[in-house]
Amino acid sequence: MQTKTFNVYNEENKAVQDAYAMLTANIHLSGPESHYKSLALTSCKPSVGKTSIAISLAITMAGSGWKVLLVDGDMRKPVGGKRLGDNTLLGLSDYLAGQADLLDVLCNTNINNLTYLYGGENRQNPIGLLCSTRFEELNAWAREQYDFVIYDTPALSSVVDASLIAARVDATLLVVEIGQTSMDSLKPAKEQLEKVNANIMGVVLNKVKKNAYKKYFGAFDYFFDGSKFVNRSSRDRKKKSSS
């Protein structure tokens, strides 16, 4: 374990905390009996708040008493552009390249139960690393050691990395920013994930304004409506039967 301790900002807004608590509960309840353990968060395009959501979700899960590993899955982005980063640290890319042992790339945080795995040295083409047996070994080991493993991945429109990670985890959440993510980008993103047989758990909306989100869910069977995951076809049948 590296000696650096990351100070992770903990959101103090109660309404926001409640939203993440509800999301955490539904993730826990929506999977199989043992719940989904490894999750990928991705988006159609960059800068929609995906990393902030990944961090807040990890903090909320850790605060509920679960052991959580937060993994920076973007090995292409320079350290200066990251929310959590330090160019003195070893990270994911270093481990996958065989330049560091797994326990040597993990970092403590100021949040109890939360461990962080930094992306590591910037790699221009990490596809081979993500397809390696070392990534499979990391995912298997983390599933045994932690209750939840959260991968913060690049945007789907940028590189193929997110799809490669999504194909290897239990479930994927697609982060959408209201007013910034169009249907023209949402549907191809869904198709891209389906091509690698990713398990799309649902959509997480960021910067939501009431009644502004309904158009985003036409392409999905399930969506998170702020309190629970809803099966769209079941919901529509109930509406028809009651009318």
Foldseek 3Di string as FASTA:
>chain_A
DDPDAAEQDADPPVVVLVLLLLVLVQQQVVAPPLGFAEEEEAALAPDQCRVVSLSNNQLSCVVVVWQEEEEALQQADDQVPDPDHDQVAAFDLCVLVVNDPPVRQWHHYPRHNYIYGYSGHHDPDCPVSLVDVSVVVVVVVCVVVTRHYYYYHYYVNPDCSSLSVLLRGQEYEYEDEQPPDDPVSLQVVVVSNVVSPGHYPEYDYDPDDPPRPPVNPPNDQWYDPSRHIDGVVVVVVVVVVVD
